[in-house]
C-alpha atoms as a PDB file:
ATOM      1  CA  UNK A   1    -109.775  74.684 159.615  1.00  0.00           C
ATOM      2  CA  UNK A   2    -110.903  71.086 158.820  1.00  0.00           C
ATOM      3  CA  UNK A   3    -114.226  70.665 157.070  1.00  0.00           C
ATOM      4  CA  UNK A   4    -116.694  68.475 158.937  1.00  0.00           C
ATOM      5  CA  UNK A   5    -118.415  65.935 156.661  1.00  0.00           C
ATOM      6  CA  UNK A   6    -122.178  66.201 156.372  1.00  0.00           C
ATOM      7  CA  UNK A   7    -124.588  63.643 157.818  1.00  0.00           C
ATOM      8  CA  UNK A   8    -125.035  61.663 154.599  1.00  0.00           C
ATOM      9  CA  UNK A   9    -121.271  61.267 154.185  1.00  0.00           C
ATOM     10  CA  UNK A  10    -120.996  60.067 157.783  1.00  0.00           C
ATOM     11  CA  UNK A  11    -123.833  57.559 157.276  1.00  0.00           C
ATOM     12  CA  UNK A  12    -122.236  56.158 154.115  1.00  0.00           C
ATOM     13  CA  UNK A  13    -118.869  56.025 155.837  1.00  0.00           C
ATOM     14  CA  UNK A  14    -120.384  54.085 158.720  1.00  0.00           C
ATOM     15  CA  UNK A  15    -122.149  51.659 156.352  1.00  0.00           C
ATOM     16  CA  UNK A  16    -118.920  51.136 154.408  1.00  0.00           C
ATOM     17  CA  UNK A  17    -116.946  50.445 157.585  1.00  0.00           C
ATOM     18  CA  UNK A  18    -119.676  48.149 158.916  1.00  0.00           C
ATOM     19  CA  UNK A  19    -119.868  46.260 155.602  1.00  0.00           C
ATOM     20  CA  UNK A  20    -116.086  45.837 155.560  1.00  0.00           C
ATOM     21  CA  UNK A  21    -116.191  44.522 159.159  1.00  0.00           C
ATOM     22  CA  UNK A  22    -119.046  42.062 158.479  1.00  0.00           C
ATOM     23  CA  UNK A  23    -117.347  40.896 155.296  1.00  0.00           C
ATOM     24  CA  UNK A  24    -114.084  40.301 157.112  1.00  0.00           C
ATOM     25  CA  UNK A  25    -115.886  38.306 159.819  1.00  0.00           C
ATOM     26  CA  UNK A  26    -117.570  36.138 157.165  1.00  0.00           C
ATOM     27  CA  UNK A  27    -114.264  35.671 155.336  1.00  0.00           C
ATOM     28  CA  UNK A  28    -112.593  34.662 158.619  1.00  0.00           C
ATOM     29  CA  UNK A  29    -115.360  32.130 159.329  1.00  0.00           C
ATOM     30  CA  UNK A  30    -115.086  30.671 155.820  1.00  0.00           C
ATOM     31  CA  UNK A  31    -111.293  30.534 156.144  1.00  0.00           C
ATOM     32  CA  UNK A  32    -111.670  28.755 159.500  1.00  0.00           C
ATOM     33  CA  UNK A  33    -114.020  26.181 157.951  1.00  0.00           C
ATOM     34  CA  UNK A  34    -112.121  25.866 154.655  1.00  0.00           C
ATOM     35  CA  UNK A  35    -108.460  26.650 155.357  1.00  0.00           C
ATOM     36  CA  UNK A  36    -107.441  25.798 151.783  1.00  0.00           C
ATOM     37  CA  UNK A  37    -109.266  28.897 150.478  1.00  0.00           C
ATOM     38  CA  UNK A  38    -106.788  31.745 150.884  1.00  0.00           C
ATOM     39  CA  UNK A  39    -107.810  34.445 148.380  1.00  0.00           C
ATOM     40  CA  UNK A  40    -111.065  35.589 149.953  1.00  0.00           C
ATOM     41  CA  UNK A  41    -109.705  38.826 151.437  1.00  0.00           C
ATOM     42  CA  UNK A  42    -110.390  40.679 148.195  1.00  0.00           C
ATOM     43  CA  UNK A  43    -114.057  39.707 148.517  1.00  0.00           C
ATOM     44  CA  UNK A  44    -114.512  40.922 152.103  1.00  0.00           C
ATOM     45  CA  UNK A  45    -116.118  44.241 151.188  1.00  0.00           C
ATOM     46  CA  UNK A  46    -118.536  42.872 148.525  1.00  0.00           C
ATOM     47  CA  UNK A  47    -119.515  40.049 150.882  1.00  0.00           C
ATOM     48  CA  UNK A  48    -120.153  42.615 153.610  1.00  0.00           C
ATOM     49  CA  UNK A  49    -122.374  44.734 151.362  1.00  0.00           C
ATOM     50  CA  UNK A  50    -124.319  41.639 150.319  1.00  0.00           C
ATOM     51  CA  UNK A  51    -124.732  40.685 153.985  1.00  0.00           C
ATOM     52  CA  UNK A  52    -126.018  44.194 154.813  1.00  0.00           C
ATOM     53  CA  UNK A  53    -128.475  44.077 151.919  1.00  0.00           C
ATOM     54  CA  UNK A  54    -129.640  40.634 153.018  1.00  0.00           C
ATOM     55  CA  UNK A  55    -130.243  41.879 156.566  1.00  0.00           C
ATOM     56  CA  UNK A  56    -132.137  44.888 155.195  1.00  0.00           C
ATOM     57  CA  UNK A  57    -134.376  42.688 153.019  1.00  0.00           C
ATOM     58  CA  UNK A  58    -135.082  40.349 155.947  1.00  0.00           C
ATOM     59  CA  UNK A  59    -135.987  43.270 158.221  1.00  0.00           C
ATOM     60  CA  UNK A  60    -138.193  44.908 155.585  1.00  0.00           C
ATOM     61  CA  UNK A  61    -140.030  41.679 154.809  1.00  0.00           C
ATOM     62  CA  UNK A  62    -140.621  41.074 158.523  1.00  0.00           C
ATOM     63  CA  UNK A  63    -141.922  44.631 158.899  1.00  0.00           C
ATOM     64  CA  UNK A  64    -144.229  44.099 155.901  1.00  0.00           C
ATOM     65  CA  UNK A  65    -145.655  40.963 157.506  1.00  0.00           C
ATOM     66  CA  UNK A  66    -146.296  42.777 160.772  1.00  0.00           C
ATOM     67  CA  UNK A  67    -147.928  45.675 158.930  1.00  0.00           C
ATOM     68  CA  UNK A  68    -150.094  43.262 156.955  1.00  0.00           C
ATOM     69  CA  UNK A  69    -151.258  41.505 160.125  1.00  0.00           C
ATOM     70  CA  UNK A  70    -152.122  44.868 161.713  1.00  0.00           C
ATOM     71  CA  UNK A  71    -154.037  45.972 158.613  1.00  0.00           C
ATOM     72  CA  UNK A  72    -156.002  42.711 158.377  1.00  0.00           C
ATOM     73  CA  UNK A  73    -156.838  42.858 162.090  1.00  0.00           C
ATOM     74  CA  UNK A  74    -157.948  46.480 161.734  1.00  0.00           C
ATOM     75  CA  UNK A  75    -160.240  45.748 158.789  1.00  0.00           C
ATOM     76  CA  UNK A  76    -161.645  42.704 160.618  1.00  0.00           C
ATOM     77  CA  UNK A  77    -162.430  44.786 163.708  1.00  0.00           C
ATOM     78  CA  UNK A  78    -164.123  47.478 161.602  1.00  0.00           C
ATOM     79  CA  UNK A  79    -166.179  44.798 159.840  1.00  0.00           C
ATOM     80  CA  UNK A  80    -167.215  43.311 163.203  1.00  0.00           C
ATOM     81  CA  UNK A  81    -168.166  46.793 164.435  1.00  0.00           C
ATOM     82  CA  UNK A  82    -170.287  47.365 161.322  1.00  0.00           C
ATOM     83  CA  UNK A  83    -172.084  44.048 161.905  1.00  0.00           C
ATOM     84  CA  UNK A  84    -172.710  44.943 165.534  1.00  0.00           C
ATOM     85  CA  UNK A  85    -174.108  48.321 164.490  1.00  0.00           C
ATOM     86  CA  UNK A  86    -176.273  46.710 161.793  1.00  0.00           C
ATOM     87  CA  UNK A  87    -177.825  44.290 164.300  1.00  0.00           C
ATOM     88  CA  UNK A  88    -178.035  46.998 166.974  1.00  0.00           C
ATOM     89  CA  UNK A  89    -175.997  44.980 169.436  1.00  0.00           C
ATOM     90  CA  UNK A  90    -173.458  47.612 170.360  1.00  0.00           C
END
């Protein structure tokens, strides 16, 4: 009876396949632009992993900016509420 891989193995397998695919697409684009470069196929997987890491860093930095804006807005609204309470407006 075949053993089914666990979830973590499946996730890493998917990321490896996705990185290989992205790397091959980038290699194909570079080969289309620079046809004289012919030995890039060996770099397809490392290029794919670097592309995945780059996308992850971009997404995380964008999420950090959004979280920072939400936090600053929250503290500003609490400060405004404290001022309104102090001057008995609200």
